[in-house]
Amino acid sequence: MGWGNFAIIYENNSLGYWGNYYLSEAAATQKLYIVNKLRIIPQLLTRNQIKNYSNVFQEIIDTNVRLVALLLSSPLLYYAIELFYDLGMRKGDVILSLQMLLGFLKLPIKMTIHIKE
């Protein structure tokens, strides 16, 4: 699928839902396709519990998409990146983590790009 498409994973809270909504709207205007159907994971998961949702992450890896938007809070964001690595996402894969710090803002205000080399 490459660079023309992307995947989203978000927490089941209001910030995750709104972030997904805004990213989906932006994707539609740019004619990008969101490849994954499984997008939601519960908030407040531990490192051991997130492994129960590995099918969400494996679906993204199987599509060979290069951009992944993670709308997750800390420490869940780091657990997700670790699980991607454990499942085989390696060199050349890009993960965008969009962390929303304030709930009343419409768009994410902090963006980190992790590039594995």
PDB file of N, CA and C in Angstrom:
ATOM      1  N   MET A   1       0.819  -1.190   0.000  1.00  0.00           N
ATOM      2  CA  MET A   1       0.000   0.000   0.000  1.00  0.00           C
ATOM      3  C   MET A   1       0.864   1.256   0.000  1.00  0.00           C
ATOM      4  N   GLY A   2       1.972   1.227   0.691  1.00  0.00           N
ATOM      5  CA  GLY A   2       2.957   2.293   0.582  1.00  0.00           C
ATOM      6  C   GLY A   2       2.586   3.605   1.231  1.00  0.00           C
ATOM      7  N   TRP A   3       3.073   4.694   0.625  1.00  0.00           N
ATOM      8  CA  TRP A   3       2.976   6.026   1.218  1.00  0.00           C
ATOM      9  C   TRP A   3       1.662   6.721   0.946  1.00  0.00           C
ATOM     10  N   GLY A   4       0.858   6.259   0.045  1.00  0.00           N
ATOM     11  CA  GLY A   4      -0.389   6.932  -0.294  1.00  0.00           C
ATOM     12  C   GLY A   4      -1.534   6.625   0.648  1.00  0.00           C
ATOM     13  N   ASN A   5      -1.326   5.742   1.597  1.00  0.00           N
ATOM     14  CA  ASN A   5      -2.364   5.346   2.534  1.00  0.00           C
ATOM     15  C   ASN A   5      -1.787   5.370   3.939  1.00  0.00           C
ATOM     16  N   PHE A   6      -2.669   5.313   4.917  1.00  0.00           N
ATOM     17  CA  PHE A   6      -2.187   5.268   6.291  1.00  0.00           C
ATOM     18  C   PHE A   6      -3.161   4.516   7.182  1.00  0.00           C
ATOM     19  N   ALA A   7      -2.727   4.269   8.401  1.00  0.00           N
ATOM     20  CA  ALA A   7      -3.542   3.559   9.385  1.00  0.00           C
ATOM     21  C   ALA A   7      -3.666   4.415  10.632  1.00  0.00           C
ATOM     22  N   ILE A   8      -4.726   4.185  11.377  1.00  0.00           N
ATOM     23  CA  ILE A   8      -4.980   4.929  12.613  1.00  0.00           C
ATOM     24  C   ILE A   8      -5.267   3.932  13.729  1.00  0.00           C
ATOM     25  N   ILE A   9      -4.712   4.207  14.899  1.00  0.00           N
ATOM     26  CA  ILE A   9      -5.092   3.499  16.124  1.00  0.00           C
ATOM     27  C   ILE A   9      -5.391   4.569  17.167  1.00  0.00           C
ATOM     28  N   TYR A  10      -6.514   4.423  17.850  1.00  0.00           N
ATOM     29  CA  TYR A  10      -6.855   5.417  18.867  1.00  0.00           C
ATOM     30  C   TYR A  10      -7.517   4.763  20.079  1.00  0.00           C
ATOM     31  N   GLU A  11      -7.462   5.493  21.198  1.00  0.00           N
ATOM     32  CA  GLU A  11      -8.088   5.027  22.436  1.00  0.00           C
ATOM     33  C   GLU A  11      -9.584   5.296  22.398  1.00  0.00           C
ATOM     34  N   ASN A  12     -10.319   4.522  23.173  1.00  0.00           N
ATOM     35  CA  ASN A  12     -11.773   4.706  23.206  1.00  0.00           C
ATOM     36  C   ASN A  12     -12.156   5.766  24.235  1.00  0.00           C
ATOM     37  N   ASN A  13     -11.726   6.974  23.969  1.00  0.00           N
ATOM     38  CA  ASN A  13     -12.145   8.118  24.770  1.00  0.00           C
ATOM     39  C   ASN A  13     -12.491   9.252  23.808  1.00  0.00           C
ATOM     40  N   SER A  14     -12.975  10.360  24.334  1.00  0.00           N
ATOM     41  CA  SER A  14     -13.442  11.442  23.458  1.00  0.00           C
ATOM     42  C   SER A  14     -12.308  12.028  22.618  1.00  0.00           C
ATOM     43  N   LEU A  15     -11.120  12.131  23.176  1.00  0.00           N
ATOM     44  CA  LEU A  15      -9.999  12.662  22.392  1.00  0.00           C
ATOM     45  C   LEU A  15      -9.645  11.731  21.240  1.00  0.00           C
ATOM     46  N   GLY A  16      -9.675  10.441  21.488  1.00  0.00           N
ATOM     47  CA  GLY A  16      -9.399   9.488  20.420  1.00  0.00           C
ATOM     48  C   GLY A  16     -10.445   9.524  19.326  1.00  0.00           C
ATOM     49  N   TYR A  17     -11.728   9.602  19.721  1.00  0.00           N
ATOM     50  CA  TYR A  17     -12.800   9.654  18.738  1.00  0.00           C
ATOM     51  C   TYR A  17     -12.705  10.911  17.874  1.00  0.00           C
ATOM     52  N   TRP A  18     -12.473  12.066  18.518  1.00  0.00           N
ATOM     53  CA  TRP A  18     -12.378  13.311  17.755  1.00  0.00           C
ATOM     54  C   TRP A  18     -11.132  13.333  16.883  1.00  0.00           C
ATOM     55  N   GLY A  19     -10.023  12.834  17.400  1.00  0.00           N
ATOM     56  CA  GLY A  19      -8.812  12.761  16.587  1.00  0.00           C
ATOM     57  C   GLY A  19      -9.012  11.896  15.360  1.00  0.00           C
ATOM     58  N   ASN A  20      -9.675  10.758  15.532  1.00  0.00           N
ATOM     59  CA  ASN A  20      -9.985   9.881  14.402  1.00  0.00           C
ATOM     60  C   ASN A  20     -10.888  10.594  13.404  1.00  0.00           C
ATOM     61  N   TYR A  21     -11.862  11.312  13.912  1.00  0.00           N
ATOM     62  CA  TYR A  21     -12.779  12.050  13.039  1.00  0.00           C
ATOM     63  C   TYR A  21     -12.018  13.072  12.190  1.00  0.00           C
ATOM     64  N   TYR A  22     -11.165  13.867  12.821  1.00  0.00           N
ATOM     65  CA  TYR A  22     -10.439  14.906  12.081  1.00  0.00           C
ATOM     66  C   TYR A  22      -9.429  14.310  11.099  1.00  0.00           C
ATOM     67  N   LEU A  23      -8.747  13.239  11.499  1.00  0.00           N
ATOM     68  CA  LEU A  23      -7.822  12.598  10.560  1.00  0.00           C
ATOM     69  C   LEU A  23      -8.567  11.970   9.388  1.00  0.00           C
ATOM     70  N   SER A  24      -9.705  11.376   9.648  1.00  0.00           N
ATOM     71  CA  SER A  24     -10.507  10.780   8.572  1.00  0.00           C
ATOM     72  C   SER A  24     -10.999  11.851   7.596  1.00  0.00           C
ATOM     73  N   GLU A  25     -11.415  12.993   8.122  1.00  0.00           N
ATOM     74  CA  GLU A  25     -11.843  14.096   7.260  1.00  0.00           C
ATOM     75  C   GLU A  25     -10.687  14.618   6.419  1.00  0.00           C
ATOM     76  N   ALA A  26      -9.522  14.765   7.041  1.00  0.00           N
ATOM     77  CA  ALA A  26      -8.339  15.239   6.312  1.00  0.00           C
ATOM     78  C   ALA A  26      -7.940  14.239   5.235  1.00  0.00           C
ATOM     79  N   ALA A  27      -8.029  12.958   5.549  1.00  0.00           N
ATOM     80  CA  ALA A  27      -7.685  11.922   4.564  1.00  0.00           C
ATOM     81  C   ALA A  27      -8.627  11.983   3.368  1.00  0.00           C
ATOM     82  N   ALA A  28      -9.897  12.197   3.623  1.00  0.00           N
ATOM     83  CA  ALA A  28     -10.873  12.260   2.536  1.00  0.00           C
ATOM     84  C   ALA A  28     -10.602  13.443   1.610  1.00  0.00           C
ATOM     85  N   THR A  29     -10.212  14.572   2.161  1.00  0.00           N
ATOM     86  CA  THR A  29      -9.941  15.737   1.320  1.00  0.00           C
ATOM     87  C   THR A  29      -8.657  15.570   0.514  1.00  0.00           C
ATOM     88  N   GLN A  30      -7.723  14.782   1.024  1.00  0.00           N
ATOM     89  CA  GLN A  30      -6.457  14.552   0.323  1.00  0.00           C
ATOM     90  C   GLN A  30      -6.472  13.276  -0.524  1.00  0.00           C
ATOM     91  N   LYS A  31      -7.622  12.616  -0.578  1.00  0.00           N
ATOM     92  CA  LYS A  31      -7.779  11.366  -1.337  1.00  0.00           C
ATOM     93  C   LYS A  31      -6.828  10.273  -0.851  1.00  0.00           C
ATOM     94  N   LEU A  32      -6.670  10.195   0.464  1.00  0.00           N
ATOM     95  CA  LEU A  32      -5.899   9.120   1.082  1.00  0.00           C
ATOM     96  C   LEU A  32      -6.873   8.080   1.616  1.00  0.00           C
ATOM     97  N   TYR A  33      -6.411   6.872   1.702  1.00  0.00           N
ATOM     98  CA  TYR A  33      -7.261   5.780   2.171  1.00  0.00           C
ATOM     99  C   TYR A  33      -6.729   5.259   3.508  1.00  0.00           C
ATOM    100  N   ILE A  34      -7.628   5.119   4.465  1.00  0.00           N
ATOM    101  CA  ILE A  34      -7.275   4.541   5.759  1.00  0.00           C
ATOM    102  C   ILE A  34      -7.483   3.032   5.646  1.00  0.00           C
ATOM    103  N   VAL A  35      -6.416   2.265   5.814  1.00  0.00           N
ATOM    104  CA  VAL A  35      -6.450   0.846   5.461  1.00  0.00           C
ATOM    105  C   VAL A  35      -6.997  -0.078   6.540  1.00  0.00           C
ATOM    106  N   ASN A  36      -6.933   0.294   7.793  1.00  0.00           N
ATOM    107  CA  ASN A  36      -7.299  -0.657   8.841  1.00  0.00           C
ATOM    108  C   ASN A  36      -8.738  -0.469   9.309  1.00  0.00           C
ATOM    109  N   LYS A  37      -9.411  -1.594   9.530  1.00  0.00           N
ATOM    110  CA  LYS A  37     -10.773  -1.578  10.056  1.00  0.00           C
ATOM    111  C   LYS A  37     -10.773  -1.601  11.586  1.00  0.00           C
ATOM    112  N   LEU A  38      -9.816  -2.320  12.164  1.00  0.00           N
ATOM    113  CA  LEU A  38      -9.687  -2.379  13.621  1.00  0.00           C
ATOM    114  C   LEU A  38      -8.843  -1.189  14.067  1.00  0.00           C
ATOM    115  N   ARG A  39      -9.456  -0.241  14.776  1.00  0.00           N
ATOM    116  CA  ARG A  39      -8.746   0.984  15.121  1.00  0.00           C
ATOM    117  C   ARG A  39      -8.760   1.299  16.610  1.00  0.00           C
ATOM    118  N   ILE A  40      -9.730   0.812  17.331  1.00  0.00           N
ATOM    119  CA  ILE A  40      -9.931   1.246  18.715  1.00  0.00           C
ATOM    120  C   ILE A  40      -9.314   0.246  19.680  1.00  0.00           C
ATOM    121  N   ILE A  41      -8.581   0.777  20.666  1.00  0.00           N
ATOM    122  CA  ILE A  41      -8.120  -0.039  21.787  1.00  0.00           C
ATOM    123  C   ILE A  41      -8.521   0.675  23.078  1.00  0.00           C
ATOM    124  N   PRO A  42      -8.808  -0.072  24.127  1.00  0.00           N
ATOM    125  CA  PRO A  42      -9.212   0.543  25.388  1.00  0.00           C
ATOM    126  C   PRO A  42      -8.089   1.385  25.990  1.00  0.00           C
ATOM    127  N   GLN A  43      -8.468   2.397  26.725  1.00  0.00           N
ATOM    128  CA  GLN A  43      -7.464   3.200  27.409  1.00  0.00           C
ATOM    129  C   GLN A  43      -7.049   2.506  28.697  1.00  0.00           C
ATOM    130  N   LEU A  44      -5.958   2.943  29.253  1.00  0.00           N
ATOM    131  CA  LEU A  44      -5.425   2.448  30.528  1.00  0.00           C
ATOM    132  C   LEU A  44      -5.019   0.973  30.488  1.00  0.00           C
ATOM    133  N   LEU A  45      -4.469   0.545  29.368  1.00  0.00           N
ATOM    134  CA  LEU A  45      -3.951  -0.815  29.279  1.00  0.00           C
ATOM    135  C   LEU A  45      -2.535  -0.860  29.829  1.00  0.00           C
ATOM    136  N   THR A  46      -2.164  -2.010  30.351  1.00  0.00           N
ATOM    137  CA  THR A  46      -0.781  -2.216  30.794  1.00  0.00           C
ATOM    138  C   THR A  46       0.013  -2.862  29.657  1.00  0.00           C
ATOM    139  N   ARG A  47       1.303  -3.006  29.863  1.00  0.00           N
ATOM    140  CA  ARG A  47       2.172  -3.623  28.859  1.00  0.00           C
ATOM    141  C   ARG A  47       1.710  -5.041  28.531  1.00  0.00           C
ATOM    142  N   ASN A  48       1.283  -5.792  29.541  1.00  0.00           N
ATOM    143  CA  ASN A  48       0.832  -7.168  29.314  1.00  0.00           C
ATOM    144  C   ASN A  48      -0.541  -7.225  28.649  1.00  0.00           C
ATOM    145  N   GLN A  49      -1.415  -6.304  28.990  1.00  0.00           N
ATOM    146  CA  GLN A  49      -2.774  -6.320  28.428  1.00  0.00           C
ATOM    147  C   GLN A  49      -2.809  -5.915  26.960  1.00  0.00           C
ATOM    148  N   ILE A  50      -1.905  -5.047  26.540  1.00  0.00           N
ATOM    149  CA  ILE A  50      -1.940  -4.577  25.145  1.00  0.00           C
ATOM    150  C   ILE A  50      -1.656  -5.718  24.175  1.00  0.00           C
ATOM    151  N   LYS A  51      -0.970  -6.745  24.635  1.00  0.00           N
ATOM    152  CA  LYS A  51      -0.676  -7.889  23.761  1.00  0.00           C
ATOM    153  C   LYS A  51      -1.951  -8.633  23.363  1.00  0.00           C
ATOM    154  N   ASN A  52      -3.028  -8.476  24.148  1.00  0.00           N
ATOM    155  CA  ASN A  52      -4.306  -9.087  23.784  1.00  0.00           C
ATOM    156  C   ASN A  52      -4.923  -8.423  22.557  1.00  0.00           C
ATOM    157  N   TYR A  53      -4.443  -7.246  22.192  1.00  0.00           N
ATOM    158  CA  TYR A  53      -4.952  -6.509  21.035  1.00  0.00           C
ATOM    159  C   TYR A  53      -3.959  -6.541  19.885  1.00  0.00           C
ATOM    160  N   SER A  54      -3.116  -7.552  19.849  1.00  0.00           N
ATOM    161  CA  SER A  54      -2.101  -7.640  18.799  1.00  0.00           C
ATOM    162  C   SER A  54      -2.722  -7.787  17.407  1.00  0.00           C
ATOM    163  N   ASN A  55      -3.967  -8.275  17.317  1.00  0.00           N
ATOM    164  CA  ASN A  55      -4.621  -8.375  16.009  1.00  0.00           C
ATOM    165  C   ASN A  55      -4.832  -7.003  15.378  1.00  0.00           C
ATOM    166  N   VAL A  56      -5.054  -5.972  16.181  1.00  0.00           N
ATOM    167  CA  VAL A  56      -5.195  -4.608  15.673  1.00  0.00           C
ATOM    168  C   VAL A  56      -3.886  -4.167  15.014  1.00  0.00           C
ATOM    169  N   PHE A  57      -2.774  -4.465  15.662  1.00  0.00           N
ATOM    170  CA  PHE A  57      -1.462  -4.072  15.161  1.00  0.00           C
ATOM    171  C   PHE A  57      -1.026  -4.954  13.992  1.00  0.00           C
ATOM    172  N   GLN A  58      -1.348  -6.247  14.053  1.00  0.00           N
ATOM    173  CA  GLN A  58      -0.962  -7.168  12.983  1.00  0.00           C
ATOM    174  C   GLN A  58      -1.681  -6.826  11.678  1.00  0.00           C
ATOM    175  N   GLU A  59      -2.929  -6.372  11.778  1.00  0.00           N
ATOM    176  CA  GLU A  59      -3.670  -5.971  10.579  1.00  0.00           C
ATOM    177  C   GLU A  59      -2.928  -4.848   9.851  1.00  0.00           C
ATOM    178  N   ILE A  60      -2.377  -3.909  10.603  1.00  0.00           N
ATOM    179  CA  ILE A  60      -1.642  -2.800   9.997  1.00  0.00           C
ATOM    180  C   ILE A  60      -0.363  -3.295   9.342  1.00  0.00           C
ATOM    181  N   ILE A  61       0.363  -4.166  10.012  1.00  0.00           N
ATOM    182  CA  ILE A  61       1.607  -4.699   9.458  1.00  0.00           C
ATOM    183  C   ILE A  61       1.329  -5.484   8.181  1.00  0.00           C
ATOM    184  N   ASP A  62       0.246  -6.246   8.151  1.00  0.00           N
ATOM    185  CA  ASP A  62      -0.090  -7.067   6.984  1.00  0.00           C
ATOM    186  C   ASP A  62      -0.441  -6.238   5.749  1.00  0.00           C
ATOM    187  N   THR A  63      -0.892  -5.003   5.929  1.00  0.00           N
ATOM    188  CA  THR A  63      -1.243  -4.160   4.782  1.00  0.00           C
ATOM    189  C   THR A  63      -0.025  -3.486   4.158  1.00  0.00           C
ATOM    190  N   ASN A  64       1.120  -3.552   4.807  1.00  0.00           N
ATOM    191  CA  ASN A  64       2.352  -2.906   4.336  1.00  0.00           C
ATOM    192  C   ASN A  64       2.224  -1.396   4.231  1.00  0.00           C
ATOM    193  N   VAL A  65       1.333  -0.811   4.997  1.00  0.00           N
ATOM    194  CA  VAL A  65       1.201   0.638   5.017  1.00  0.00           C
ATOM    195  C   VAL A  65       2.443   1.234   5.690  1.00  0.00           C
ATOM    196  N   ARG A  66       2.860   2.409   5.263  1.00  0.00           N
ATOM    197  CA  ARG A  66       4.089   3.009   5.771  1.00  0.00           C
ATOM    198  C   ARG A  66       3.830   4.067   6.843  1.00  0.00           C
ATOM    199  N   LEU A  67       2.654   4.661   6.897  1.00  0.00           N
ATOM    200  CA  LEU A  67       2.341   5.698   7.879  1.00  0.00           C
ATOM    201  C   LEU A  67       1.281   5.196   8.847  1.00  0.00           C
ATOM    202  N   VAL A  68       1.565   5.333  10.128  1.00  0.00           N
ATOM    203  CA  VAL A  68       0.636   4.912  11.169  1.00  0.00           C
ATOM    204  C   VAL A  68       0.452   6.072  12.135  1.00  0.00           C
ATOM    205  N   ALA A  69      -0.785   6.521  12.323  1.00  0.00           N
ATOM    206  CA  ALA A  69      -1.094   7.586  13.274  1.00  0.00           C
ATOM    207  C   ALA A  69      -1.587   6.943  14.561  1.00  0.00           C
ATOM    208  N   LEU A  70      -0.882   7.213  15.658  1.00  0.00           N
ATOM    209  CA  LEU A  70      -1.255   6.680  16.966  1.00  0.00           C
ATOM    210  C   LEU A  70      -1.824   7.813  17.807  1.00  0.00           C
ATOM    211  N   LEU A  71      -3.118   7.749  18.067  1.00  0.00           N
ATOM    212  CA  LEU A  71      -3.779   8.736  18.911  1.00  0.00           C
ATOM    213  C   LEU A  71      -3.913   8.135  20.301  1.00  0.00           C
ATOM    214  N   LEU A  72      -2.787   8.056  20.979  1.00  0.00           N
ATOM    215  CA  LEU A  72      -2.719   7.369  22.265  1.00  0.00           C
ATOM    216  C   LEU A  72      -2.029   8.248  23.293  1.00  0.00           C
ATOM    217  N   SER A  73      -2.415   8.060  24.529  1.00  0.00           N
ATOM    218  CA  SER A  73      -1.762   8.788  25.602  1.00  0.00           C
ATOM    219  C   SER A  73      -0.583   7.976  26.133  1.00  0.00           C
ATOM    220  N   SER A  74       0.248   8.629  26.887  1.00  0.00           N
ATOM    221  CA  SER A  74       1.390   7.958  27.503  1.00  0.00           C
ATOM    222  C   SER A  74       0.882   7.224  28.750  1.00  0.00           C
ATOM    223  N   PRO A  75       1.336   6.055  29.070  1.00  0.00           N
ATOM    224  CA  PRO A  75       2.387   5.249  28.476  1.00  0.00           C
ATOM    225  C   PRO A  75       1.903   4.305  27.380  1.00  0.00           C
ATOM    226  N   LEU A  76       0.603   4.320  27.059  1.00  0.00           N
ATOM    227  CA  LEU A  76       0.058   3.412  26.051  1.00  0.00           C
ATOM    228  C   LEU A  76       0.736   3.603  24.696  1.00  0.00           C
ATOM    229  N   LEU A  77       1.121   4.823  24.392  1.00  0.00           N
ATOM    230  CA  LEU A  77       1.832   5.101  23.141  1.00  0.00           C
ATOM    231  C   LEU A  77       3.116   4.284  23.058  1.00  0.00           C
ATOM    232  N   TYR A  78       3.863   4.244  24.125  1.00  0.00           N
ATOM    233  CA  TYR A  78       5.138   3.523  24.125  1.00  0.00           C
ATOM    234  C   TYR A  78       4.928   2.010  24.089  1.00  0.00           C
ATOM    235  N   TYR A  79       3.878   1.527  24.749  1.00  0.00           N
ATOM    236  CA  TYR A  79       3.543   0.105  24.678  1.00  0.00           C
ATOM    237  C   TYR A  79       3.178  -0.281  23.249  1.00  0.00           C
ATOM    238  N   ALA A  80       2.447   0.601  22.559  1.00  0.00           N
ATOM    239  CA  ALA A  80       2.046   0.325  21.173  1.00  0.00           C
ATOM    240  C   ALA A  80       3.265   0.258  20.261  1.00  0.00           C
ATOM    241  N   ILE A  81       4.185   1.192  20.412  1.00  0.00           N
ATOM    242  CA  ILE A  81       5.403   1.176  19.590  1.00  0.00           C
ATOM    243  C   ILE A  81       6.208  -0.086  19.873  1.00  0.00           C
ATOM    244  N   GLU A  82       6.275  -0.464  21.138  1.00  0.00           N
ATOM    245  CA  GLU A  82       6.991  -1.684  21.508  1.00  0.00           C
ATOM    246  C   GLU A  82       6.328  -2.918  20.893  1.00  0.00           C
ATOM    247  N   LEU A  83       4.997  -2.961  20.884  1.00  0.00           N
ATOM    248  CA  LEU A  83       4.285  -4.099  20.301  1.00  0.00           C
ATOM    249  C   LEU A  83       4.483  -4.152  18.783  1.00  0.00           C
ATOM    250  N   PHE A  84       4.468  -3.007  18.126  1.00  0.00           N
ATOM    251  CA  PHE A  84       4.780  -2.982  16.694  1.00  0.00           C
ATOM    252  C   PHE A  84       6.151  -3.587  16.441  1.00  0.00           C
ATOM    253  N   TYR A  85       7.119  -3.225  17.247  1.00  0.00           N
ATOM    254  CA  TYR A  85       8.472  -3.757  17.084  1.00  0.00           C
ATOM    255  C   TYR A  85       8.483  -5.272  17.311  1.00  0.00           C
ATOM    256  N   ASP A  86       7.789  -5.726  18.363  1.00  0.00           N
ATOM    257  CA  ASP A  86       7.730  -7.156  18.662  1.00  0.00           C
ATOM    258  C   ASP A  86       7.079  -7.951  17.528  1.00  0.00           C
ATOM    259  N   LEU A  87       6.140  -7.331  16.815  1.00  0.00           N
ATOM    260  CA  LEU A  87       5.438  -8.011  15.727  1.00  0.00           C
ATOM    261  C   LEU A  87       6.185  -7.927  14.396  1.00  0.00           C
ATOM    262  N   GLY A  88       7.279  -7.184  14.355  1.00  0.00           N
ATOM    263  CA  GLY A  88       8.109  -7.193  13.157  1.00  0.00           C
ATOM    264  C   GLY A  88       8.208  -5.909  12.371  1.00  0.00           C
ATOM    265  N   MET A  89       7.625  -4.819  12.851  1.00  0.00           N
ATOM    266  CA  MET A  89       7.766  -3.554  12.141  1.00  0.00           C
ATOM    267  C   MET A  89       9.179  -3.041  12.387  1.00  0.00           C
ATOM    268  N   ARG A  90       9.938  -2.850  11.332  1.00  0.00           N
ATOM    269  CA  ARG A  90      11.358  -2.539  11.466  1.00  0.00           C
ATOM    270  C   ARG A  90      11.776  -1.344  10.616  1.00  0.00           C
ATOM    271  N   LYS A  91      12.978  -1.401  10.124  1.00  0.00           N
ATOM    272  CA  LYS A  91      13.632  -0.317   9.406  1.00  0.00           C
ATOM    273  C   LYS A  91      12.760   0.251   8.287  1.00  0.00           C
ATOM    274  N   GLY A  92      12.706   1.566   8.256  1.00  0.00           N
ATOM    275  CA  GLY A  92      11.976   2.244   7.203  1.00  0.00           C
ATOM    276  C   GLY A  92      10.517   2.513   7.513  1.00  0.00           C
ATOM    277  N   ASP A  93      10.005   1.970   8.599  1.00  0.00           N
ATOM    278  CA  ASP A  93       8.621   2.211   8.957  1.00  0.00           C
ATOM    279  C   ASP A  93       8.523   3.510   9.742  1.00  0.00           C
ATOM    280  N   VAL A  94       7.503   4.281   9.474  1.00  0.00           N
ATOM    281  CA  VAL A  94       7.309   5.564  10.137  1.00  0.00           C
ATOM    282  C   VAL A  94       6.045   5.494  10.965  1.00  0.00           C
ATOM    283  N   ILE A  95       6.144   5.955  12.198  1.00  0.00           N
ATOM    284  CA  ILE A  95       4.982   6.017  13.076  1.00  0.00           C
ATOM    285  C   ILE A  95       4.791   7.463  13.484  1.00  0.00           C
ATOM    286  N   LEU A  96       3.623   8.024  13.228  1.00  0.00           N
ATOM    287  CA  LEU A  96       3.293   9.364  13.683  1.00  0.00           C
ATOM    288  C   LEU A  96       2.505   9.238  14.966  1.00  0.00           C
ATOM    289  N   SER A  97       2.970   9.867  16.012  1.00  0.00           N
ATOM    290  CA  SER A  97       2.197   9.840  17.245  1.00  0.00           C
ATOM    291  C   SER A  97       1.617  11.225  17.456  1.00  0.00           C
ATOM    292  N   LEU A  98       0.327  11.290  17.461  1.00  0.00           N
ATOM    293  CA  LEU A  98      -0.371  12.551  17.647  1.00  0.00           C
ATOM    294  C   LEU A  98      -0.969  12.544  19.044  1.00  0.00           C
ATOM    295  N   GLN A  99      -0.371  13.325  19.914  1.00  0.00           N
ATOM    296  CA  GLN A  99      -0.827  13.356  21.290  1.00  0.00           C
ATOM    297  C   GLN A  99      -1.614  14.635  21.524  1.00  0.00           C
ATOM    298  N   MET A 100      -2.839  14.487  21.924  1.00  0.00           N
ATOM    299  CA  MET A 100      -3.672  15.644  22.186  1.00  0.00           C
ATOM    300  C   MET A 100      -3.549  16.003  23.658  1.00  0.00           C
ATOM    301  N   LEU A 101      -3.079  17.200  23.909  1.00  0.00           N
ATOM    302  CA  LEU A 101      -2.802  17.603  25.280  1.00  0.00           C
ATOM    303  C   LEU A 101      -3.986  18.295  25.943  1.00  0.00           C
ATOM    304  N   LEU A 102      -4.778  19.022  25.190  1.00  0.00           N
ATOM    305  CA  LEU A 102      -5.899  19.755  25.757  1.00  0.00           C
ATOM    306  C   LEU A 102      -7.175  19.370  25.025  1.00  0.00           C
ATOM    307  N   GLY A 103      -8.200  18.990  25.780  1.00  0.00           N
ATOM    308  CA  GLY A 103      -9.419  18.468  25.185  1.00  0.00           C
ATOM    309  C   GLY A 103     -10.240  19.478  24.421  1.00  0.00           C
ATOM    310  N   PHE A 104     -10.116  20.762  24.715  1.00  0.00           N
ATOM    311  CA  PHE A 104     -10.966  21.722  24.041  1.00  0.00           C
ATOM    312  C   PHE A 104     -10.411  22.153  22.690  1.00  0.00           C
ATOM    313  N   LEU A 105      -9.209  21.745  22.343  1.00  0.00           N
ATOM    314  CA  LEU A 105      -8.653  22.073  21.036  1.00  0.00           C
ATOM    315  C   LEU A 105      -9.199  21.112  19.989  1.00  0.00           C
ATOM    316  N   LYS A 106      -9.350  21.582  18.789  1.00  0.00           N
ATOM    317  CA  LYS A 106      -9.905  20.747  17.729  1.00  0.00           C
ATOM    318  C   LYS A 106      -8.861  19.860  17.080  1.00  0.00           C
ATOM    319  N   LEU A 107      -7.608  20.253  17.108  1.00  0.00           N
ATOM    320  CA  LEU A 107      -6.578  19.492  16.428  1.00  0.00           C
ATOM    321  C   LEU A 107      -5.476  19.112  17.390  1.00  0.00           C
ATOM    322  N   PRO A 108      -4.776  18.040  17.108  1.00  0.00           N
ATOM    323  CA  PRO A 108      -3.633  17.677  17.939  1.00  0.00           C
ATOM    324  C   PRO A 108      -2.584  18.789  17.926  1.00  0.00           C
ATOM    325  N   ILE A 109      -1.943  19.004  19.066  1.00  0.00           N
ATOM    326  CA  ILE A 109      -0.988  20.101  19.127  1.00  0.00           C
ATOM    327  C   ILE A 109       0.444  19.627  19.330  1.00  0.00           C
ATOM    328  N   LYS A 110       0.665  18.352  19.466  1.00  0.00           N
ATOM    329  CA  LYS A 110       2.025  17.845  19.584  1.00  0.00           C
ATOM    330  C   LYS A 110       2.169  16.676  18.635  1.00  0.00           C
ATOM    331  N   MET A 111       3.212  16.691  17.833  1.00  0.00           N
ATOM    332  CA  MET A 111       3.422  15.603  16.888  1.00  0.00           C
ATOM    333  C   MET A 111       4.861  15.143  16.969  1.00  0.00           C
ATOM    334  N   THR A 112       5.046  13.860  17.113  1.00  0.00           N
ATOM    335  CA  THR A 112       6.368  13.259  17.161  1.00  0.00           C
ATOM    336  C   THR A 112       6.469  12.259  16.027  1.00  0.00           C
ATOM    337  N   ILE A 113       7.590  12.250  15.343  1.00  0.00           N
ATOM    338  CA  ILE A 113       7.798  11.287  14.268  1.00  0.00           C
ATOM    339  C   ILE A 113       8.916  10.351  14.683  1.00  0.00           C
ATOM    340  N   HIS A 114       8.614   9.058  14.699  1.00  0.00           N
ATOM    341  CA  HIS A 114       9.596   8.035  15.029  1.00  0.00           C
ATOM    342  C   HIS A 114       9.978   7.328  13.732  1.00  0.00           C
ATOM    343  N   ILE A 115      11.226   7.406  13.359  1.00  0.00           N
ATOM    344  CA  ILE A 115      11.698   6.712  12.165  1.00  0.00           C
ATOM    345  C   ILE A 115      12.715   5.678  12.602  1.00  0.00           C
ATOM    346  N   LYS A 116      12.417   4.424  12.330  1.00  0.00           N
ATOM    347  CA  LYS A 116      13.325   3.341  12.724  1.00  0.00           C
ATOM    348  C   LYS A 116      14.365   3.150  11.647  1.00  0.00           C
ATOM    349  N   GLU A 117      15.609   3.083  12.062  1.00  0.00           N
ATOM    350  CA  GLU A 117      16.681   2.854  11.086  1.00  0.00           C
ATOM    351  C   GLU A 117      17.535   1.707  11.531  1.00  0.00           C
TER     352      GLU A 117
END
